[in-house]
Amino acid sequence: MYIDANIGGSIDGTGGADLAGLTAQVAVAERIGHDGVWTTEVSRDPFLPLAVAAEKSATLQLGTAVAVAFARNPMSMAVVANDLNVFSGGRFVLGLGSQIEAHITRRFGMPWSAPAERIREYVAALHAIWNSWQSGERLDFRGEHYRHTLMTPMFSPGPSPYGPPPVLIAAVGPKMTRVTAEVADGLLVHGFTTARYLREVTMPVVQEGLHVSCRKRDHFTVVYPGLVVTGGDQSEFDEALTQVRRQIAFYGATPAYRGVLDLHGWGDLHAELHRLSKLGDWAAMTGLVDDDMLNTFAVVGEPEAVGAQIVRRFGGLVDRFTLYTPYPLDEAAKATVIEGVRAG
């Protein structure tokens, strides 16, 4: 099992960053032993930081987790993904997510439709575009949502020596998970997912999708951003506890994620969390996440113990475990966790 890392809060959209800051964070990722870095699309662009990372590191894998697919047409997405893959020497992974209807229609001003089938078409369009560049064949993609039938030599970058980048899709529900296993190279599991939900719900659906696409499990990558509660001292640990409880409460209030709570017998809690979220009462929501729920959704412990817990819980189940820490975690503590995973 591998371990990746988010590049850090100041890159993944939760804070500000300048070029010096990005450069420093890439250096830290290499120094403490991460295999790769990921960016998110929140309040900043998910692609620009990876261009910096590609230039500053010759070894780290680079990925978006995630870029919002339906905020862009397949041609625009194909171009930027191809560029980053070439810039990085074939180290880029395109992680896509559908987002929810309100954000697509009201924030991005783009049309909405059933996301699972639309993402299927989106990925097919990406591959049609990339194949046109690689092979020189005429571009002729005609779908329900997207049509790409014009590609003149002036606008084609030509074949890439690295081929197209892998496409991973974020999925929670069974429809999106099945489509992901049918058409994508891997699955980006949502952070609000437990080991039990992965084992009993997600992976059986993945196997169904892989069967349809005539592929084996070892040709499909499962990436899990697991919540971790740890800290270098008691004060940091207490802050981590609060922030992870808050994150679990936030996700638990979202209707799309209720199925995870239902599996564990916490379905009724969703209604209360949702009600409180409408009132903006985050303190009350956070207080509803008890120790049992916390330890089900997160790996909790001292840095020296967390790595082994991650391996026990997720080894053989996921291919990559990404540290999900919605709070500041110092370099030494991260390095200790990574060392524990590798030793486990």
Protein backbone atom coordinates (compact mmCIF):
# COMPACT_ATOMS: atom_id res chain seq x y z
CA MET A 1 0.00 0.00 0.00
CA TYR A 2 1.25 3.47 -0.87
CA ILE A 3 0.73 6.71 0.96
CA ASP A 4 0.18 10.06 -0.74
CA ALA A 5 -0.46 13.49 0.68
CA ASN A 6 -2.47 16.54 0.03
CA ILE A 7 0.02 19.26 -0.90
CA GLY A 8 -1.24 21.22 2.08
CA GLY A 9 -3.92 23.63 3.17
CA SER A 10 -2.39 26.63 1.44
CA ILE A 11 -2.46 24.83 -1.91
CA ASP A 12 -5.66 22.85 -1.81
CA GLY A 13 -7.88 25.92 -1.67
CA THR A 14 -8.35 26.34 2.07
CA GLY A 15 -5.88 29.20 2.32
CA GLY A 16 -3.64 31.54 0.39
CA ALA A 17 -0.29 30.70 -1.13
CA ASP A 18 2.43 32.36 -3.15
CA LEU A 19 5.09 30.75 -5.32
CA ALA A 20 7.58 30.61 -2.47
CA GLY A 21 5.01 28.92 -0.26
CA LEU A 22 4.13 26.35 -2.90
CA THR A 23 7.80 25.61 -3.49
CA ALA A 24 8.38 25.10 0.23
CA GLN A 25 5.42 22.75 0.56
CA VAL A 26 6.60 20.60 -2.35
CA ALA A 27 10.02 20.39 -0.72
CA VAL A 28 8.43 19.27 2.56
CA ALA A 29 6.39 16.60 0.76
CA GLU A 30 9.56 15.15 -0.73
CA ARG A 31 11.53 15.45 2.50
CA ILE A 32 9.06 13.55 4.66
CA GLY A 33 8.57 10.75 2.16
CA HIS A 34 5.32 11.33 0.33
CA ASP A 35 4.86 9.58 -3.01
CA GLY A 36 2.59 12.24 -4.45
CA VAL A 37 0.73 15.47 -3.93
CA TRP A 38 -2.90 16.34 -4.61
CA THR A 39 -4.77 19.60 -5.06
CA THR A 40 -8.46 20.32 -4.57
CA GLU A 41 -10.78 22.78 -6.26
CA VAL A 42 -12.25 24.92 -3.53
CA SER A 43 -11.30 28.60 -3.55
CA ARG A 44 -8.37 28.24 -5.95
CA ASP A 45 -7.58 26.65 -9.28
CA PRO A 46 -6.55 22.98 -8.90
CA PHE A 47 -4.15 22.91 -11.86
CA LEU A 48 -1.81 25.89 -11.45
CA PRO A 49 -0.14 24.64 -8.23
CA LEU A 50 0.68 21.35 -9.94
CA ALA A 51 2.65 23.16 -12.63
CA VAL A 52 4.82 24.53 -9.83
CA ALA A 53 5.12 21.07 -8.28
CA ALA A 54 6.07 19.55 -11.64
CA GLU A 55 8.92 22.02 -11.98
CA LYS A 56 10.14 21.74 -8.39
CA SER A 57 10.01 17.94 -8.07
CA ALA A 58 11.16 15.29 -10.51
CA THR A 59 9.65 12.37 -8.60
CA LEU A 60 6.33 13.24 -6.95
CA GLN A 61 3.15 12.05 -8.60
CA LEU A 62 0.77 14.96 -9.16
CA GLY A 63 -3.00 14.81 -9.10
CA THR A 64 -6.25 16.71 -8.73
CA ALA A 65 -8.57 15.45 -6.05
CA VAL A 66 -10.68 16.77 -7.49
CA ALA A 67 -11.17 19.09 -10.43
CA VAL A 68 -14.85 19.80 -11.11
CA ALA A 69 -15.64 18.11 -14.41
CA PHE A 70 -18.94 19.77 -15.27
CA ALA A 71 -17.50 23.25 -14.73
CA ARG A 72 -15.45 22.72 -17.91
CA ASN A 73 -16.08 21.16 -21.29
CA PRO A 74 -14.08 18.02 -22.17
CA MET A 75 -11.86 19.89 -24.65
CA SER A 76 -10.69 22.41 -22.05
CA MET A 77 -10.11 19.62 -19.54
CA ALA A 78 -8.25 17.49 -22.09
CA VAL A 79 -5.89 20.35 -22.94
CA VAL A 80 -4.87 21.24 -19.38
CA ALA A 81 -4.55 17.57 -18.36
CA ASN A 82 -2.38 16.80 -21.37
CA ASP A 83 -0.20 19.85 -20.68
CA LEU A 84 0.39 18.89 -17.05
CA ASN A 85 1.16 15.31 -18.00
CA VAL A 86 3.77 16.49 -20.51
CA PHE A 87 5.19 19.14 -18.16
CA SER A 88 5.63 16.52 -15.42
CA GLY A 89 7.06 13.77 -17.63
CA GLY A 90 4.01 11.53 -17.30
CA ARG A 91 3.42 11.98 -13.56
CA PHE A 92 -0.02 13.62 -13.69
CA VAL A 93 -3.29 11.97 -12.61
CA LEU A 94 -6.57 13.64 -13.56
CA GLY A 95 -8.99 13.28 -10.68
CA LEU A 96 -12.52 14.40 -11.55
CA GLY A 97 -15.64 15.05 -9.53
CA SER A 98 -19.17 15.97 -10.57
CA GLN A 99 -20.00 18.38 -7.71
CA ILE A 100 -23.65 18.90 -6.76
CA GLU A 101 -26.35 20.60 -8.81
CA ALA A 102 -26.43 23.88 -6.88
CA HIS A 103 -22.73 24.52 -7.45
CA ILE A 104 -22.80 23.56 -11.12
CA THR A 105 -25.84 25.69 -11.97
CA ARG A 106 -25.50 28.60 -9.53
CA ARG A 107 -21.75 28.94 -8.96
CA PHE A 108 -20.40 27.87 -12.34
CA GLY A 109 -23.48 28.75 -14.41
CA MET A 110 -23.34 25.46 -16.28
CA PRO A 111 -26.12 22.99 -17.17
CA TRP A 112 -26.94 20.05 -14.93
CA SER A 113 -28.04 16.53 -15.76
CA ALA A 114 -27.88 13.08 -14.18
CA PRO A 115 -24.20 12.97 -13.17
CA ALA A 116 -23.33 9.28 -13.51
CA GLU A 117 -24.23 8.92 -17.17
CA ARG A 118 -22.90 12.36 -17.97
CA ILE A 119 -19.49 11.54 -16.44
CA ARG A 120 -19.45 8.38 -18.54
CA GLU A 121 -19.84 10.49 -21.67
CA TYR A 122 -17.34 13.05 -20.37
CA VAL A 123 -14.60 10.43 -19.96
CA ALA A 124 -15.38 9.00 -23.39
CA ALA A 125 -15.03 12.49 -24.88
CA LEU A 126 -11.67 13.00 -23.14
CA HIS A 127 -10.35 9.76 -24.59
CA ALA A 128 -11.67 10.59 -28.05
CA ILE A 129 -9.83 13.93 -27.95
CA TRP A 130 -6.59 12.42 -26.64
CA ASN A 131 -6.78 9.61 -29.20
CA SER A 132 -7.17 12.18 -31.97
CA TRP A 133 -3.97 13.89 -30.83
CA GLN A 134 -2.09 10.64 -30.40
CA SER A 135 -3.13 8.94 -33.63
CA GLY A 136 -3.87 11.86 -35.91
CA GLU A 137 -7.29 10.38 -36.63
CA ARG A 138 -10.22 12.68 -37.31
CA LEU A 139 -11.99 13.82 -34.16
CA ASP A 140 -15.63 12.79 -34.35
CA PHE A 141 -17.22 12.52 -30.93
CA ARG A 142 -20.99 12.91 -30.78
CA GLY A 143 -22.76 12.40 -27.48
CA GLU A 144 -25.92 13.53 -25.77
CA HIS A 145 -24.17 16.34 -23.89
CA TYR A 146 -20.95 16.96 -25.81
CA ARG A 147 -19.94 17.15 -29.48
CA HIS A 148 -16.32 17.43 -30.54
CA THR A 149 -15.92 17.24 -34.30
CA LEU A 150 -13.30 19.86 -35.14
CA MET A 151 -9.56 19.47 -34.62
CA THR A 152 -7.25 21.15 -37.10
CA PRO A 153 -3.44 20.72 -36.98
CA MET A 154 -3.00 24.21 -35.55
CA PHE A 155 -4.93 23.28 -32.41
CA SER A 156 -3.59 19.77 -31.91
CA PRO A 157 -0.57 19.40 -29.59
CA GLY A 158 0.27 16.18 -31.37
CA PRO A 159 1.15 12.86 -29.75
CA SER A 160 2.49 12.86 -26.22
CA PRO A 161 5.44 10.58 -25.43
CA TYR A 162 3.66 9.71 -22.18
CA GLY A 163 0.22 9.00 -23.59
CA PRO A 164 -2.91 10.31 -21.90
CA PRO A 165 -2.99 10.70 -18.12
CA PRO A 166 -4.93 8.25 -15.96
CA VAL A 167 -8.47 9.41 -15.12
CA LEU A 168 -9.78 8.84 -11.61
CA ILE A 169 -13.34 9.73 -10.58
CA ALA A 170 -14.70 10.66 -7.17
CA ALA A 171 -17.77 8.61 -6.29
CA VAL A 172 -19.96 7.93 -3.27
CA GLY A 173 -23.21 6.37 -4.48
CA PRO A 174 -23.53 3.06 -6.34
CA LYS A 175 -24.38 4.56 -9.74
CA MET A 176 -21.32 6.78 -9.91
CA THR A 177 -19.14 4.04 -8.41
CA ARG A 178 -20.26 1.53 -11.03
CA VAL A 179 -19.70 3.94 -13.91
CA THR A 180 -16.27 4.79 -12.49
CA ALA A 181 -15.26 1.14 -12.46
CA GLU A 182 -16.52 0.75 -16.02
CA VAL A 183 -14.80 3.72 -17.68
CA ALA A 184 -12.09 5.19 -15.42
CA ASP A 185 -8.64 4.13 -14.28
CA GLY A 186 -9.43 4.46 -10.63
CA LEU A 187 -11.75 5.59 -7.85
CA LEU A 188 -11.26 8.55 -5.54
CA VAL A 189 -13.15 7.50 -2.44
CA HIS A 190 -14.86 10.26 -0.50
CA GLY A 191 -13.39 11.11 2.90
CA PHE A 192 -16.75 10.38 4.53
CA THR A 193 -16.35 6.66 4.00
CA THR A 194 -15.59 3.97 6.54
CA ALA A 195 -13.61 0.78 6.08
CA ARG A 196 -16.83 -1.19 6.53
CA TYR A 197 -18.67 0.85 3.87
CA LEU A 198 -15.74 0.34 1.51
CA ARG A 199 -15.71 -3.39 2.10
CA GLU A 200 -19.45 -4.07 2.11
CA VAL A 201 -20.84 -1.47 -0.29
CA THR A 202 -18.22 0.22 -2.46
CA MET A 203 -15.93 -2.63 -3.48
CA PRO A 204 -18.68 -5.07 -4.54
CA VAL A 205 -20.00 -2.37 -6.88
CA VAL A 206 -16.47 -1.74 -8.15
CA GLN A 207 -16.13 -5.43 -8.94
CA GLU A 208 -19.41 -5.32 -10.90
CA GLY A 209 -18.16 -2.39 -12.96
CA LEU A 210 -14.79 -4.00 -13.59
CA HIS A 211 -16.54 -7.15 -14.78
CA VAL A 212 -18.52 -5.11 -17.32
CA SER A 213 -15.32 -3.49 -18.60
CA CYS A 214 -13.49 -6.86 -18.64
CA ARG A 215 -10.76 -5.66 -16.31
CA LYS A 216 -9.17 -7.05 -13.18
CA ARG A 217 -8.89 -5.31 -9.84
CA ASP A 218 -5.12 -4.86 -10.16
CA HIS A 219 -5.72 -2.63 -13.20
CA PHE A 220 -7.84 -0.22 -11.15
CA THR A 221 -6.56 2.15 -8.46
CA VAL A 222 -8.54 2.91 -5.30
CA VAL A 223 -7.43 6.08 -3.50
CA TYR A 224 -8.78 6.79 -0.03
CA PRO A 225 -8.37 10.17 1.72
CA GLY A 226 -8.65 8.94 5.27
CA LEU A 227 -9.37 11.23 8.20
CA VAL A 228 -6.60 11.08 10.76
CA VAL A 229 -6.55 12.53 14.28
CA THR A 230 -3.08 13.01 15.67
CA GLY A 231 -0.71 15.72 16.88
CA GLY A 232 2.78 16.44 18.08
CA ASP A 233 1.56 17.41 21.57
CA GLN A 234 -1.68 17.44 23.58
CA SER A 235 -2.72 20.88 22.36
CA GLU A 236 -2.34 19.87 18.70
CA PHE A 237 -4.11 16.58 19.37
CA ASP A 238 -7.08 18.34 21.01
CA GLU A 239 -7.34 20.73 18.05
CA ALA A 240 -7.27 17.78 15.66
CA LEU A 241 -10.08 16.10 17.59
CA THR A 242 -12.29 19.18 17.34
CA GLN A 243 -11.65 19.79 13.65
CA VAL A 244 -12.20 16.18 12.60
CA ARG A 245 -15.42 15.95 14.62
CA ARG A 246 -16.56 19.13 12.88
CA GLN A 247 -15.67 17.70 9.46
CA ILE A 248 -17.57 14.48 10.16
CA ALA A 249 -20.59 16.48 11.29
CA PHE A 250 -20.45 18.60 8.12
CA TYR A 251 -20.42 15.54 5.89
CA GLY A 252 -23.04 13.78 7.99
CA ALA A 253 -25.46 16.66 7.39
CA THR A 254 -25.26 16.18 3.61
CA PRO A 255 -28.13 14.07 2.19
CA ALA A 256 -25.92 12.45 -0.46
CA TYR A 257 -23.80 10.82 2.26
CA ARG A 258 -26.60 9.49 4.46
CA GLY A 259 -26.10 5.95 3.17
CA VAL A 260 -22.81 5.68 5.04
CA LEU A 261 -24.53 6.61 8.31
CA ASP A 262 -27.41 4.22 7.58
CA LEU A 263 -25.01 1.28 7.27
CA HIS A 264 -23.73 1.95 10.78
CA GLY A 265 -27.16 2.56 12.31
CA TRP A 266 -26.73 6.33 12.53
CA GLY A 267 -29.28 7.30 9.91
CA ASP A 268 -31.45 9.23 12.38
CA LEU A 269 -28.48 11.40 13.27
CA HIS A 270 -28.38 12.72 9.71
CA ALA A 271 -31.76 14.45 10.10
CA GLU A 272 -30.60 16.29 13.22
CA LEU A 273 -27.26 17.26 11.69
CA HIS A 274 -29.05 18.52 8.58
CA ARG A 275 -31.47 20.56 10.70
CA LEU A 276 -28.66 22.13 12.69
CA SER A 277 -26.69 22.89 9.52
CA LYS A 278 -29.61 24.97 8.26
CA LEU A 279 -29.35 26.97 11.48
CA GLY A 280 -25.60 27.29 11.17
CA ASP A 281 -25.11 25.72 14.59
CA TRP A 282 -21.75 24.05 13.92
CA ALA A 283 -20.86 23.78 17.61
CA ALA A 284 -23.95 21.68 18.34
CA MET A 285 -23.30 19.55 15.26
CA THR A 286 -19.71 18.91 16.31
CA GLY A 287 -20.89 17.86 19.77
CA LEU A 288 -23.10 15.13 18.28
CA VAL A 289 -20.09 13.23 16.93
CA ASP A 290 -19.30 10.89 19.82
CA ASP A 291 -16.15 8.80 20.29
CA ASP A 292 -17.64 5.73 18.62
CA MET A 293 -18.49 7.67 15.48
CA LEU A 294 -15.16 9.49 15.55
CA ASN A 295 -13.16 6.27 15.70
CA THR A 296 -15.26 4.72 12.95
CA PHE A 297 -14.65 7.53 10.48
CA ALA A 298 -11.10 8.46 11.53
CA VAL A 299 -7.87 6.84 12.57
CA VAL A 300 -7.09 8.27 16.01
CA GLY A 301 -3.84 8.07 17.94
CA GLU A 302 -0.35 9.32 18.59
CA PRO A 303 1.82 9.77 15.49
CA GLU A 304 3.86 6.69 16.43
CA ALA A 305 0.72 4.51 16.45
CA VAL A 306 -1.35 5.92 13.58
CA GLY A 307 0.64 4.38 10.72
CA ALA A 308 0.17 0.83 11.94
CA GLN A 309 -3.54 1.49 12.51
CA ILE A 310 -3.91 2.70 8.93
CA VAL A 311 -2.31 -0.48 7.60
CA ARG A 312 -4.48 -2.72 9.81
CA ARG A 313 -7.67 -0.97 8.76
CA PHE A 314 -7.05 -0.37 5.06
CA GLY A 315 -4.22 -2.67 3.96
CA GLY A 316 -5.44 -4.90 1.11
CA LEU A 317 -8.54 -2.76 0.73
CA VAL A 318 -7.19 0.41 -0.90
CA ASP A 319 -4.16 1.05 -3.08
CA ARG A 320 -3.33 4.51 -1.85
CA PHE A 321 -4.11 6.14 1.47
CA THR A 322 -4.00 9.93 1.50
CA LEU A 323 -3.66 11.67 4.84
CA TYR A 324 -6.77 13.80 5.35
CA THR A 325 -6.02 16.26 8.15
CA PRO A 326 -8.38 19.28 8.19
CA TYR A 327 -6.09 20.98 10.70
CA PRO A 328 -2.38 21.98 10.80
CA LEU A 329 -0.12 18.95 11.31
CA ASP A 330 3.59 19.61 11.73
CA GLU A 331 6.27 18.09 9.53
CA ALA A 332 7.70 15.80 12.19
CA ALA A 333 4.33 14.25 13.01
CA LYS A 334 3.56 13.64 9.32
CA ALA A 335 6.95 12.03 8.82
CA THR A 336 6.34 9.73 11.78
CA VAL A 337 2.96 8.64 10.40
CA ILE A 338 4.44 7.93 6.98
CA GLU A 339 7.28 5.94 8.50
CA GLY A 340 4.74 3.89 10.44
CA VAL A 341 2.75 3.09 7.29
CA ARG A 342 5.86 1.97 5.42
CA ALA A 343 6.95 -0.16 8.36
CA GLY A 344 3.48 -1.66 8.73
